[in-house]
Amino acid sequence: MAIERVFSQPGPDEERFLTSLRPQRLDECVGQAVVREQLRIALDAARGRREPLDHVLLDGPPGLGKTTLAHIIANELGANIRVTSGPAIARQGDLMMLLTQLDTGDVLFIDEIHRLAKVVEEFLYPALEDFRVDYTTESGIGGRTVNFSLKRFTLVGATTRSGLLSAPLRDRFGLLFHLQYYAEDELVQIVRRSAGLLKVPADEAALRRLAGRSRGTPRIVNRLLRRVRDYADVRGDGRLTPAIVDAALDILQIDRLGLDNLDRAYLHALIQHYDGGPAGIEAIAATMGHERDTLEDVVEPYLLQIGFVIRTPRGRVARPAAYEHLGLPVPAAAPEAPGLFG
């Protein structure tokens, strides 16, 4: 029986659990020091001028806190927030309904903003620049265009694929922030806070063990905390110890670096089917029977971060560290380095 992947998109129940652990204010946040400081200055300036905050674009891998920051921005401004996603806005009318319901200073959060349809994206441009939209009430020769004035609002867009954003859309954001993976010490602070909120007794060494296997991602460390808490309640006395953490994560098949079966399958496919690369992402996805987007959004970012894989003009290449982690012999001739192709 396949084990549910901890690193996949959380379901509704787990999303509610994660939401309960989110910080509500900027002062409660851990990590992303540069982003927090820049955002704090922008928020203070907007409050001082009694103006809406500039539109904000948050870019980075999944689970680093883009949605959390959007809610924090609204809380810091004392504003309401409306939440949607790029795929959910299929037509201009969908966006029109959202925009006309916003009050002055409100925050509109669009997750996966890179997936907005082109016609919707172009409809959004005048709303971001001039706080107005030109809406066609009917199609065909009898249609007419009505100009609607909007109240000044702040758009917060989040994307895991900033390269897919069009230049015109990107240029309409006044504040652009790239979120980095978290250091282990920062994740320890996060999981310590979460354990306190959940009233879970835990050894410091156990929290550090959790942080070390969380791929630099707060969402993952909190999800692992929930799974390990369940294990501790059933197989232990409820307290998190290093032994309990190790046993629980062994059941989840998460290794000491935070890699799970899908990560290891990706590396095995690249190394064993394509001799370590270079190999195209479409070929790897076909070999594994997974969607390309899953590999690019969920698997590859961390493998690139820890130096197990590199991207080259000819495709993905496995590095010696990946062979060593899987216990495979490193080939005598190292895989080709980027930029050295004939």
C-alpha atoms as a PDB file:
ATOM      1  CA  MET A   1       0.000   0.000   0.000  1.00  0.00           C
ATOM      2  CA  ALA A   2       1.383   3.406  -0.945  1.00  0.00           C
ATOM      3  CA  ILE A   3       2.076   5.808   1.893  1.00  0.00           C
ATOM      4  CA  GLU A   4       0.594   9.276   1.588  1.00  0.00           C
ATOM      5  CA  ARG A   5       3.333  11.738   0.722  1.00  0.00           C
ATOM      6  CA  VAL A   6       3.937  14.235   3.517  1.00  0.00           C
ATOM      7  CA  PHE A   7       5.378  16.721   1.028  1.00  0.00           C
ATOM      8  CA  SER A   8       2.315  16.790  -1.232  1.00  0.00           C
ATOM      9  CA  GLN A   9      -0.320  19.531  -1.145  1.00  0.00           C
ATOM     10  CA  PRO A  10      -2.137  19.288   2.221  1.00  0.00           C
ATOM     11  CA  GLY A  11      -5.805  18.315   2.277  1.00  0.00           C
ATOM     12  CA  PRO A  12      -8.563  20.410   3.888  1.00  0.00           C
ATOM     13  CA  ASP A  13      -8.158  18.872   7.351  1.00  0.00           C
ATOM     14  CA  GLU A  14      -4.393  19.303   7.380  1.00  0.00           C
ATOM     15  CA  GLU A  15      -4.735  22.810   5.939  1.00  0.00           C
ATOM     16  CA  ARG A  16      -6.904  23.761   8.923  1.00  0.00           C
ATOM     17  CA  PHE A  17      -4.289  22.304  11.249  1.00  0.00           C
ATOM     18  CA  LEU A  18      -1.494  24.291   9.579  1.00  0.00           C
ATOM     19  CA  THR A  19      -3.586  27.462   9.617  1.00  0.00           C
ATOM     20  CA  SER A  20      -3.980  27.188  13.387  1.00  0.00           C
ATOM     21  CA  LEU A  21      -0.180  27.328  13.741  1.00  0.00           C
ATOM     22  CA  ARG A  22       0.420  30.356  11.508  1.00  0.00           C
ATOM     23  CA  PRO A  23       1.880  33.495  13.065  1.00  0.00           C
ATOM     24  CA  GLN A  24      -0.515  36.435  12.901  1.00  0.00           C
ATOM     25  CA  ARG A  25       1.944  39.329  13.143  1.00  0.00           C
ATOM     26  CA  LEU A  26       5.321  40.161  11.632  1.00  0.00           C
ATOM     27  CA  ASP A  27       6.962  40.091  15.080  1.00  0.00           C
ATOM     28  CA  GLU A  28       5.909  36.457  15.487  1.00  0.00           C
ATOM     29  CA  CYS A  29       7.639  35.367  12.276  1.00  0.00           C
ATOM     30  CA  VAL A  30      10.924  33.465  12.212  1.00  0.00           C
ATOM     31  CA  GLY A  31      13.398  33.574   9.336  1.00  0.00           C
ATOM     32  CA  GLN A  32      13.317  35.543   6.070  1.00  0.00           C
ATOM     33  CA  ALA A  33      15.008  38.426   7.912  1.00  0.00           C
ATOM     34  CA  VAL A  34      15.617  40.576   4.828  1.00  0.00           C
ATOM     35  CA  VAL A  35      12.055  40.144   3.567  1.00  0.00           C
ATOM     36  CA  ARG A  36      10.588  40.903   6.999  1.00  0.00           C
ATOM     37  CA  GLU A  37      12.642  44.074   7.399  1.00  0.00           C
ATOM     38  CA  GLN A  38      11.791  45.386   3.933  1.00  0.00           C
ATOM     39  CA  LEU A  39       8.132  44.545   4.446  1.00  0.00           C
ATOM     40  CA  ARG A  40       8.094  46.177   7.888  1.00  0.00           C
ATOM     41  CA  ILE A  41       9.419  49.448   6.415  1.00  0.00           C
ATOM     42  CA  ALA A  42       6.846  49.367   3.607  1.00  0.00           C
ATOM     43  CA  LEU A  43       4.007  48.675   6.074  1.00  0.00           C
ATOM     44  CA  ASP A  44       5.100  51.439   8.447  1.00  0.00           C
ATOM     45  CA  ALA A  45       5.327  53.885   5.544  1.00  0.00           C
ATOM     46  CA  ALA A  46       1.872  52.932   4.226  1.00  0.00           C
ATOM     47  CA  ARG A  47       0.321  53.256   7.684  1.00  0.00           C
ATOM     48  CA  GLY A  48       2.066  56.595   8.223  1.00  0.00           C
ATOM     49  CA  ARG A  49       0.685  57.977   4.960  1.00  0.00           C
ATOM     50  CA  ARG A  50      -2.674  56.259   5.515  1.00  0.00           C
ATOM     51  CA  GLU A  51      -2.433  54.736   2.065  1.00  0.00           C
ATOM     52  CA  PRO A  52      -2.853  51.167   0.823  1.00  0.00           C
ATOM     53  CA  LEU A  53       0.365  49.191   0.588  1.00  0.00           C
ATOM     54  CA  ASP A  54       1.981  48.796  -2.836  1.00  0.00           C
ATOM     55  CA  HIS A  55       1.078  45.571  -4.632  1.00  0.00           C
ATOM     56  CA  VAL A  56       3.248  42.695  -3.377  1.00  0.00           C
ATOM     57  CA  LEU A  57       4.618  39.670  -5.268  1.00  0.00           C
ATOM     58  CA  LEU A  58       5.847  36.721  -3.169  1.00  0.00           C
ATOM     59  CA  ASP A  59       7.973  34.165  -4.986  1.00  0.00           C
ATOM     60  CA  GLY A  60       9.476  30.919  -3.731  1.00  0.00           C
ATOM     61  CA  PRO A  61       9.041  27.144  -3.401  1.00  0.00           C
ATOM     62  CA  PRO A  62       5.882  25.746  -1.767  1.00  0.00           C
ATOM     63  CA  GLY A  63       5.544  25.845   2.016  1.00  0.00           C
ATOM     64  CA  LEU A  64       7.828  28.789   2.793  1.00  0.00           C
ATOM     65  CA  GLY A  65       5.085  31.095   4.074  1.00  0.00           C
ATOM     66  CA  LYS A  66       3.689  33.061   1.137  1.00  0.00           C
ATOM     67  CA  THR A  67       0.075  32.598   2.261  1.00  0.00           C
ATOM     68  CA  THR A  68       1.055  33.331   5.858  1.00  0.00           C
ATOM     69  CA  LEU A  69       2.731  36.591   4.833  1.00  0.00           C
ATOM     70  CA  ALA A  70      -0.358  37.632   2.860  1.00  0.00           C
ATOM     71  CA  HIS A  71      -2.519  37.240   5.976  1.00  0.00           C
ATOM     72  CA  ILE A  72       0.077  39.007   8.107  1.00  0.00           C
ATOM     73  CA  ILE A  73       0.061  41.957   5.688  1.00  0.00           C
ATOM     74  CA  ALA A  74      -3.722  42.228   6.069  1.00  0.00           C
ATOM     75  CA  ASN A  75      -3.478  41.930   9.861  1.00  0.00           C
ATOM     76  CA  GLU A  76      -0.753  44.577  10.074  1.00  0.00           C
ATOM     77  CA  LEU A  77      -2.841  46.944   7.956  1.00  0.00           C
ATOM     78  CA  GLY A  78      -6.025  46.200   9.903  1.00  0.00           C
ATOM     79  CA  ALA A  79      -7.639  45.254   6.591  1.00  0.00           C
ATOM     80  CA  ASN A  80      -9.871  42.472   5.322  1.00  0.00           C
ATOM     81  CA  ILE A  81      -8.386  39.841   3.027  1.00  0.00           C
ATOM     82  CA  ARG A  82     -10.026  37.925   0.190  1.00  0.00           C
ATOM     83  CA  VAL A  83      -8.277  34.749  -0.913  1.00  0.00           C
ATOM     84  CA  THR A  84      -8.406  33.085  -4.324  1.00  0.00           C
ATOM     85  CA  SER A  85      -6.059  31.397  -6.802  1.00  0.00           C
ATOM     86  CA  GLY A  86      -5.114  31.802 -10.437  1.00  0.00           C
ATOM     87  CA  PRO A  87      -6.908  28.650 -11.673  1.00  0.00           C
ATOM     88  CA  ALA A  88     -10.110  29.698  -9.833  1.00  0.00           C
ATOM     89  CA  ILE A  89     -10.423  32.914 -11.857  1.00  0.00           C
ATOM     90  CA  ALA A  90     -11.468  31.504 -15.206  1.00  0.00           C
ATOM     91  CA  ARG A  91     -13.229  34.536 -16.695  1.00  0.00           C
ATOM     92  CA  GLN A  92     -13.154  38.300 -16.468  1.00  0.00           C
ATOM     93  CA  GLY A  93     -16.482  38.187 -14.645  1.00  0.00           C
ATOM     94  CA  ASP A  94     -14.939  36.114 -11.826  1.00  0.00           C
ATOM     95  CA  LEU A  95     -12.280  38.755 -11.272  1.00  0.00           C
ATOM     96  CA  MET A  96     -14.795  41.574 -11.647  1.00  0.00           C
ATOM     97  CA  MET A  97     -16.876  40.134  -8.806  1.00  0.00           C
ATOM     98  CA  LEU A  98     -13.831  39.989  -6.514  1.00  0.00           C
ATOM     99  CA  LEU A  99     -12.617  43.494  -7.337  1.00  0.00           C
ATOM    100  CA  THR A 100     -15.967  45.226  -6.846  1.00  0.00           C
ATOM    101  CA  GLN A 101     -16.366  43.645  -3.392  1.00  0.00           C
ATOM    102  CA  LEU A 102     -13.100  45.123  -2.095  1.00  0.00           C
ATOM    103  CA  ASP A 103     -13.215  48.070   0.274  1.00  0.00           C
ATOM    104  CA  THR A 104     -10.534  50.758   0.546  1.00  0.00           C
ATOM    105  CA  GLY A 105      -7.307  49.257   1.865  1.00  0.00           C
ATOM    106  CA  ASP A 106      -8.458  45.633   1.536  1.00  0.00           C
ATOM    107  CA  VAL A 107      -6.027  42.904   0.483  1.00  0.00           C
ATOM    108  CA  LEU A 108      -6.713  40.577  -2.440  1.00  0.00           C
ATOM    109  CA  PHE A 109      -4.520  37.474  -2.295  1.00  0.00           C
ATOM    110  CA  ILE A 110      -4.110  35.454  -5.505  1.00  0.00           C
ATOM    111  CA  ASP A 111      -2.174  32.225  -5.032  1.00  0.00           C
ATOM    112  CA  GLU A 112      -0.559  30.616  -8.088  1.00  0.00           C
ATOM    113  CA  ILE A 113      -0.885  33.937  -9.870  1.00  0.00           C
ATOM    114  CA  HIS A 114       1.260  32.633 -12.738  1.00  0.00           C
ATOM    115  CA  ARG A 115      -1.721  30.441 -13.728  1.00  0.00           C
ATOM    116  CA  LEU A 116      -4.048  33.341 -14.497  1.00  0.00           C
ATOM    117  CA  ALA A 117      -5.567  33.113 -17.965  1.00  0.00           C
ATOM    118  CA  LYS A 118      -4.116  35.681 -20.361  1.00  0.00           C
ATOM    119  CA  VAL A 119      -7.449  37.441 -20.873  1.00  0.00           C
ATOM    120  CA  VAL A 120      -7.930  37.712 -17.086  1.00  0.00           C
ATOM    121  CA  GLU A 121      -4.377  38.960 -16.567  1.00  0.00           C
ATOM    122  CA  GLU A 122      -4.841  41.738 -19.117  1.00  0.00           C
ATOM    123  CA  PHE A 123      -8.151  42.681 -17.496  1.00  0.00           C
ATOM    124  CA  LEU A 124      -6.281  43.054 -14.207  1.00  0.00           C
ATOM    125  CA  TYR A 125      -3.709  45.587 -15.490  1.00  0.00           C
ATOM    126  CA  PRO A 126      -5.829  48.779 -15.244  1.00  0.00           C
ATOM    127  CA  ALA A 127      -7.161  47.625 -11.864  1.00  0.00           C
ATOM    128  CA  LEU A 128      -3.608  47.512 -10.508  1.00  0.00           C
ATOM    129  CA  GLU A 129      -2.457  50.762 -12.106  1.00  0.00           C
ATOM    130  CA  ASP A 130      -5.480  53.056 -12.103  1.00  0.00           C
ATOM    131  CA  PHE A 131      -7.974  51.195  -9.865  1.00  0.00           C
ATOM    132  CA  ARG A 132     -10.513  50.921 -12.628  1.00  0.00           C
ATOM    133  CA  VAL A 133     -11.693  48.242 -15.038  1.00  0.00           C
ATOM    134  CA  ASP A 134     -13.373  48.315 -18.421  1.00  0.00           C
ATOM    135  CA  TYR A 135     -15.980  45.570 -18.362  1.00  0.00           C
ATOM    136  CA  THR A 136     -17.897  44.414 -21.447  1.00  0.00           C
ATOM    137  CA  THR A 137     -21.425  43.624 -20.375  1.00  0.00           C
ATOM    138  CA  GLU A 138     -22.409  41.594 -23.453  1.00  0.00           C
ATOM    139  CA  SER A 139     -20.533  39.861 -26.213  1.00  0.00           C
ATOM    140  CA  GLY A 140     -21.064  40.440 -29.904  1.00  0.00           C
ATOM    141  CA  ILE A 141     -22.052  43.523 -31.863  1.00  0.00           C
ATOM    142  CA  GLY A 142     -24.570  44.668 -29.250  1.00  0.00           C
ATOM    143  CA  GLY A 143     -22.106  44.594 -26.371  1.00  0.00           C
ATOM    144  CA  ARG A 144     -21.045  47.726 -24.563  1.00  0.00           C
ATOM    145  CA  THR A 145     -18.102  48.519 -22.325  1.00  0.00           C
ATOM    146  CA  VAL A 146     -18.671  50.080 -18.912  1.00  0.00           C
ATOM    147  CA  ASN A 147     -15.905  51.753 -16.946  1.00  0.00           C
ATOM    148  CA  PHE A 148     -15.974  50.833 -13.234  1.00  0.00           C
ATOM    149  CA  SER A 149     -13.999  52.729 -10.615  1.00  0.00           C
ATOM    150  CA  LEU A 150     -12.521  50.563  -7.860  1.00  0.00           C
ATOM    151  CA  LYS A 151     -11.526  51.380  -4.316  1.00  0.00           C
ATOM    152  CA  ARG A 152      -7.784  51.415  -3.685  1.00  0.00           C
ATOM    153  CA  PHE A 153      -6.664  47.952  -2.636  1.00  0.00           C
ATOM    154  CA  THR A 154      -3.477  45.913  -2.305  1.00  0.00           C
ATOM    155  CA  LEU A 155      -2.915  42.833  -4.439  1.00  0.00           C
ATOM    156  CA  VAL A 156      -0.667  40.169  -2.957  1.00  0.00           C
ATOM    157  CA  GLY A 157       0.315  37.595  -5.552  1.00  0.00           C
ATOM    158  CA  ALA A 158       2.117  34.330  -4.779  1.00  0.00           C
ATOM    159  CA  THR A 159       3.945  32.114  -7.236  1.00  0.00           C
ATOM    160  CA  THR A 160       6.205  29.081  -7.176  1.00  0.00           C
ATOM    161  CA  ARG A 161       7.098  29.632 -10.848  1.00  0.00           C
ATOM    162  CA  SER A 162       8.179  33.238 -11.237  1.00  0.00           C
ATOM    163  CA  GLY A 163       9.652  32.463 -14.653  1.00  0.00           C
ATOM    164  CA  LEU A 164       6.126  31.913 -15.977  1.00  0.00           C
ATOM    165  CA  LEU A 165       4.979  35.422 -15.002  1.00  0.00           C
ATOM    166  CA  SER A 166       4.700  37.836 -17.890  1.00  0.00           C
ATOM    167  CA  ALA A 167       6.864  40.965 -17.727  1.00  0.00           C
ATOM    168  CA  PRO A 168       3.837  43.330 -17.836  1.00  0.00           C
ATOM    169  CA  LEU A 169       2.275  41.642 -14.795  1.00  0.00           C
ATOM    170  CA  ARG A 170       5.537  41.532 -12.850  1.00  0.00           C
ATOM    171  CA  ASP A 171       6.157  45.220 -13.542  1.00  0.00           C
ATOM    172  CA  ARG A 172       2.888  46.189 -11.865  1.00  0.00           C
ATOM    173  CA  PHE A 173       4.075  44.999  -8.458  1.00  0.00           C
ATOM    174  CA  GLY A 174       5.816  47.612  -6.353  1.00  0.00           C
ATOM    175  CA  LEU A 175       7.258  45.117  -3.853  1.00  0.00           C
ATOM    176  CA  LEU A 176       8.858  41.854  -4.999  1.00  0.00           C
ATOM    177  CA  PHE A 177      10.118  39.365  -2.414  1.00  0.00           C
ATOM    178  CA  HIS A 178      11.837  36.012  -2.973  1.00  0.00           C
ATOM    179  CA  LEU A 179      11.512  33.590  -0.057  1.00  0.00           C
ATOM    180  CA  GLN A 180      14.511  31.365   0.717  1.00  0.00           C
ATOM    181  CA  TYR A 181      14.652  27.970   2.385  1.00  0.00           C
ATOM    182  CA  TYR A 182      14.966  28.194   6.182  1.00  0.00           C
ATOM    183  CA  ALA A 183      18.062  27.330   8.202  1.00  0.00           C
ATOM    184  CA  GLU A 184      17.837  24.445  10.658  1.00  0.00           C
ATOM    185  CA  ASP A 185      18.014  26.759  13.692  1.00  0.00           C
ATOM    186  CA  GLU A 186      15.059  28.751  12.325  1.00  0.00           C
ATOM    187  CA  LEU A 187      13.025  25.575  11.829  1.00  0.00           C
ATOM    188  CA  VAL A 188      13.809  24.549  15.404  1.00  0.00           C
ATOM    189  CA  GLN A 189      12.316  27.846  16.605  1.00  0.00           C
ATOM    190  CA  ILE A 190       9.243  27.291  14.430  1.00  0.00           C
ATOM    191  CA  VAL A 191       8.600  23.718  15.551  1.00  0.00           C
ATOM    192  CA  ARG A 192       9.264  24.666  19.199  1.00  0.00           C
ATOM    193  CA  ARG A 193       6.560  27.327  18.946  1.00  0.00           C
ATOM    194  CA  SER A 194       4.174  24.888  17.232  1.00  0.00           C
ATOM    195  CA  ALA A 195       4.781  22.197  19.856  1.00  0.00           C
ATOM    196  CA  GLY A 196       4.017  24.788  22.530  1.00  0.00           C
ATOM    197  CA  LEU A 197       0.747  25.766  20.871  1.00  0.00           C
ATOM    198  CA  LEU A 198      -0.234  22.099  20.601  1.00  0.00           C
ATOM    199  CA  LYS A 199       0.920  21.410  24.184  1.00  0.00           C
ATOM    200  CA  VAL A 200       3.197  18.605  22.979  1.00  0.00           C
ATOM    201  CA  PRO A 201       6.102  17.894  25.375  1.00  0.00           C
ATOM    202  CA  ALA A 202       9.317  17.516  23.395  1.00  0.00           C
ATOM    203  CA  ASP A 203      13.045  17.175  23.958  1.00  0.00           C
ATOM    204  CA  GLU A 204      15.175  19.817  22.293  1.00  0.00           C
ATOM    205  CA  ALA A 205      17.105  17.087  20.457  1.00  0.00           C
ATOM    206  CA  ALA A 206      13.822  15.707  19.071  1.00  0.00           C
ATOM    207  CA  LEU A 207      12.828  19.136  17.737  1.00  0.00           C
ATOM    208  CA  ARG A 208      16.207  19.490  16.070  1.00  0.00           C
ATOM    209  CA  ARG A 209      15.824  16.030  14.533  1.00  0.00           C
ATOM    210  CA  LEU A 210      12.475  17.131  13.065  1.00  0.00           C
ATOM    211  CA  ALA A 211      13.929  20.362  11.750  1.00  0.00           C
ATOM    212  CA  GLY A 212      16.822  18.536  10.094  1.00  0.00           C
ATOM    213  CA  ARG A 213      14.441  16.381   8.054  1.00  0.00           C
ATOM    214  CA  SER A 214      12.078  19.165   6.987  1.00  0.00           C
ATOM    215  CA  ARG A 215      13.757  20.282   3.761  1.00  0.00           C
ATOM    216  CA  GLY A 216      14.147  23.843   4.997  1.00  0.00           C
ATOM    217  CA  THR A 217      10.365  24.303   4.909  1.00  0.00           C
ATOM    218  CA  PRO A 218       8.074  25.428   7.782  1.00  0.00           C
ATOM    219  CA  ARG A 219       5.000  23.716   6.336  1.00  0.00           C
ATOM    220  CA  ILE A 220       6.826  20.397   6.293  1.00  0.00           C
ATOM    221  CA  VAL A 221       8.218  20.684   9.825  1.00  0.00           C
ATOM    222  CA  ASN A 222       4.692  21.356  11.133  1.00  0.00           C
ATOM    223  CA  ARG A 223       3.235  18.449   9.167  1.00  0.00           C
ATOM    224  CA  LEU A 224       5.953  16.138  10.461  1.00  0.00           C
ATOM    225  CA  LEU A 225       5.260  17.364  13.990  1.00  0.00           C
ATOM    226  CA  ARG A 226       1.643  16.292  13.617  1.00  0.00           C
ATOM    227  CA  ARG A 227       2.575  12.813  12.356  1.00  0.00           C
ATOM    228  CA  VAL A 228       5.216  12.302  15.036  1.00  0.00           C
ATOM    229  CA  ARG A 229       2.805  13.508  17.749  1.00  0.00           C
ATOM    230  CA  ASP A 230       0.323  10.821  16.614  1.00  0.00           C
ATOM    231  CA  TYR A 231       3.062   8.177  16.785  1.00  0.00           C
ATOM    232  CA  ALA A 232       4.143   9.347  20.246  1.00  0.00           C
ATOM    233  CA  ASP A 233       0.569   9.144  21.530  1.00  0.00           C
ATOM    234  CA  VAL A 234       0.055   5.610  20.166  1.00  0.00           C
ATOM    235  CA  ARG A 235       3.486   3.990  20.601  1.00  0.00           C
ATOM    236  CA  GLY A 236       4.959   6.115  23.387  1.00  0.00           C
ATOM    237  CA  ASP A 237       3.966   8.244  26.344  1.00  0.00           C
ATOM    238  CA  GLY A 238       3.145  11.333  24.287  1.00  0.00           C
ATOM    239  CA  ARG A 239       6.570  12.933  24.660  1.00  0.00           C
ATOM    240  CA  LEU A 240       8.743  13.559  21.598  1.00  0.00           C
ATOM    241  CA  THR A 241      12.207  12.081  21.940  1.00  0.00           C
ATOM    242  CA  PRO A 242      14.881  11.511  19.262  1.00  0.00           C
ATOM    243  CA  ALA A 243      14.047   7.788  19.251  1.00  0.00           C
ATOM    244  CA  ILE A 244      10.330   8.499  18.756  1.00  0.00           C
ATOM    245  CA  VAL A 245      11.071  10.936  15.929  1.00  0.00           C
ATOM    246  CA  ASP A 246      13.371   8.461  14.190  1.00  0.00           C
ATOM    247  CA  ALA A 247      10.854   5.621  14.480  1.00  0.00           C
ATOM    248  CA  ALA A 248       7.957   7.734  13.193  1.00  0.00           C
ATOM    249  CA  LEU A 249       9.910   9.093  10.234  1.00  0.00           C
ATOM    250  CA  ASP A 250      11.172   5.629   9.368  1.00  0.00           C
ATOM    251  CA  ILE A 251       7.538   4.566   8.961  1.00  0.00           C
ATOM    252  CA  LEU A 252       6.988   7.600   6.701  1.00  0.00           C
ATOM    253  CA  GLN A 253      10.156   6.563   4.808  1.00  0.00           C
ATOM    254  CA  ILE A 254      11.748   9.978   5.236  1.00  0.00           C
ATOM    255  CA  ASP A 255      15.529   9.735   5.479  1.00  0.00           C
ATOM    256  CA  ARG A 256      18.042  11.828   7.427  1.00  0.00           C
ATOM    257  CA  LEU A 257      18.109  14.567   4.759  1.00  0.00           C
ATOM    258  CA  GLY A 258      14.333  14.762   4.427  1.00  0.00           C
ATOM    259  CA  LEU A 259      14.111  12.815   1.159  1.00  0.00           C
ATOM    260  CA  ASP A 260      11.137  10.490   0.699  1.00  0.00           C
ATOM    261  CA  ASN A 261      10.306   7.758  -1.820  1.00  0.00           C
ATOM    262  CA  LEU A 262       9.449  10.184  -4.629  1.00  0.00           C
ATOM    263  CA  ASP A 263      12.713  12.087  -4.233  1.00  0.00           C
ATOM    264  CA  ARG A 264      14.717   8.882  -4.235  1.00  0.00           C
ATOM    265  CA  ALA A 265      12.751   7.537  -7.210  1.00  0.00           C
ATOM    266  CA  TYR A 266      13.622  10.716  -9.131  1.00  0.00           C
ATOM    267  CA  LEU A 267      17.312  10.264  -8.362  1.00  0.00           C
ATOM    268  CA  HIS A 268      17.206   6.543  -9.233  1.00  0.00           C
ATOM    269  CA  ALA A 269      15.501   7.327 -12.559  1.00  0.00           C
ATOM    270  CA  LEU A 270      18.091   9.955 -13.416  1.00  0.00           C
ATOM    271  CA  ILE A 271      21.047   7.803 -12.390  1.00  0.00           C
ATOM    272  CA  GLN A 272      19.976   4.332 -13.477  1.00  0.00           C
ATOM    273  CA  HIS A 273      17.893   5.082 -16.582  1.00  0.00           C
ATOM    274  CA  TYR A 274      19.903   8.017 -17.879  1.00  0.00           C
ATOM    275  CA  ASP A 275      23.377   7.281 -16.480  1.00  0.00           C
ATOM    276  CA  GLY A 276      23.230  10.357 -14.272  1.00  0.00           C
ATOM    277  CA  GLY A 277      22.210  12.694 -17.077  1.00  0.00           C
ATOM    278  CA  PRO A 278      21.939  15.011 -18.745  1.00  0.00           C
ATOM    279  CA  ALA A 279      18.256  14.112 -19.128  1.00  0.00           C
ATOM    280  CA  GLY A 280      15.236  16.252 -19.936  1.00  0.00           C
ATOM    281  CA  ILE A 281      12.524  16.729 -17.323  1.00  0.00           C
ATOM    282  CA  GLU A 282       9.870  15.377 -19.715  1.00  0.00           C
ATOM    283  CA  ALA A 283      11.852  12.152 -20.122  1.00  0.00           C
ATOM    284  CA  ILE A 284      12.299  11.753 -16.364  1.00  0.00           C
ATOM    285  CA  ALA A 285       8.603  12.428 -15.745  1.00  0.00           C
ATOM    286  CA  ALA A 286       7.607   9.844 -18.376  1.00  0.00           C
ATOM    287  CA  THR A 287       9.953   7.256 -16.876  1.00  0.00           C
ATOM    288  CA  MET A 288       8.521   7.801 -13.393  1.00  0.00           C
ATOM    289  CA  GLY A 289       4.881   8.111 -14.482  1.00  0.00           C
ATOM    290  CA  HIS A 290       4.506  11.504 -12.755  1.00  0.00           C
ATOM    291  CA  GLU A 291       3.488  14.938 -13.942  1.00  0.00           C
ATOM    292  CA  ARG A 292       6.259  17.287 -14.965  1.00  0.00           C
ATOM    293  CA  ASP A 293       4.821  20.052 -12.757  1.00  0.00           C
ATOM    294  CA  THR A 294       5.025  17.814  -9.677  1.00  0.00           C
ATOM    295  CA  LEU A 295       8.703  17.160 -10.262  1.00  0.00           C
ATOM    296  CA  GLU A 296       9.533  20.800 -11.035  1.00  0.00           C
ATOM    297  CA  ASP A 297       7.512  22.336  -8.181  1.00  0.00           C
ATOM    298  CA  VAL A 298       7.877  19.796  -5.380  1.00  0.00           C
ATOM    299  CA  VAL A 299      10.858  17.504  -5.975  1.00  0.00           C
ATOM    300  CA  GLU A 300      13.539  19.434  -7.842  1.00  0.00           C
ATOM    301  CA  PRO A 301      13.806  22.656  -5.795  1.00  0.00           C
ATOM    302  CA  TYR A 302      15.154  20.866  -2.724  1.00  0.00           C
ATOM    303  CA  LEU A 303      17.414  18.543  -4.696  1.00  0.00           C
ATOM    304  CA  LEU A 304      18.880  21.583  -6.420  1.00  0.00           C
ATOM    305  CA  GLN A 305      19.240  23.373  -3.081  1.00  0.00           C
ATOM    306  CA  ILE A 306      21.282  20.563  -1.488  1.00  0.00           C
ATOM    307  CA  GLY A 307      23.413  20.035  -4.589  1.00  0.00           C
ATOM    308  CA  PHE A 308      22.158  16.579  -5.583  1.00  0.00           C
ATOM    309  CA  VAL A 309      21.051  17.744  -9.025  1.00  0.00           C
ATOM    310  CA  ILE A 310      21.981  20.583 -11.355  1.00  0.00           C
ATOM    311  CA  ARG A 311      20.180  21.957 -14.384  1.00  0.00           C
ATOM    312  CA  THR A 312      22.226  22.289 -17.549  1.00  0.00           C
ATOM    313  CA  PRO A 313      21.356  23.415 -21.097  1.00  0.00           C
ATOM    314  CA  ARG A 314      20.977  19.746 -22.019  1.00  0.00           C
ATOM    315  CA  GLY A 315      18.963  18.614 -19.009  1.00  0.00           C
ATOM    316  CA  ARG A 316      19.267  17.478 -15.400  1.00  0.00           C
ATOM    317  CA  VAL A 317      22.527  16.000 -14.110  1.00  0.00           C
ATOM    318  CA  ALA A 318      23.025  14.017 -10.884  1.00  0.00           C
ATOM    319  CA  ARG A 319      25.998  15.069  -8.773  1.00  0.00           C
ATOM    320  CA  PRO A 320      28.324  12.756  -6.806  1.00  0.00           C
ATOM    321  CA  ALA A 321      26.553  13.584  -3.519  1.00  0.00           C
ATOM    322  CA  ALA A 322      23.358  12.004  -4.880  1.00  0.00           C
ATOM    323  CA  TYR A 323      25.166   8.751  -5.701  1.00  0.00           C
ATOM    324  CA  GLU A 324      26.739   8.665  -2.233  1.00  0.00           C
ATOM    325  CA  HIS A 325      23.419   9.303  -0.475  1.00  0.00           C
ATOM    326  CA  LEU A 326      21.769   6.415  -2.346  1.00  0.00           C
ATOM    327  CA  GLY A 327      24.752   4.140  -1.696  1.00  0.00           C
ATOM    328  CA  LEU A 328      25.556   3.874  -5.410  1.00  0.00           C
ATOM    329  CA  PRO A 329      29.084   3.896  -6.852  1.00  0.00           C
ATOM    330  CA  VAL A 330      30.117   7.263  -8.219  1.00  0.00           C
ATOM    331  CA  PRO A 331      31.089   6.850 -11.898  1.00  0.00           C
ATOM    332  CA  ALA A 332      34.774   7.256 -12.703  1.00  0.00           C
ATOM    333  CA  ALA A 333      33.913   9.911 -15.291  1.00  0.00           C
ATOM    334  CA  ALA A 334      31.910  12.608 -13.525  1.00  0.00           C
ATOM    335  CA  PRO A 335      28.719  13.763 -15.268  1.00  0.00           C
ATOM    336  CA  GLU A 336      29.196  16.608 -17.661  1.00  0.00           C
ATOM    337  CA  ALA A 337      29.442  20.072 -16.125  1.00  0.00           C
ATOM    338  CA  PRO A 338      27.177  22.868 -17.319  1.00  0.00           C
ATOM    339  CA  GLY A 339      28.498  25.042 -20.078  1.00  0.00           C
ATOM    340  CA  LEU A 340      30.991  22.449 -21.392  1.00  0.00           C
ATOM    341  CA  PHE A 341      28.870  20.870 -24.107  1.00  0.00           C
ATOM    342  CA  GLY A 342      29.964  20.656 -27.679  1.00  0.00           C
END
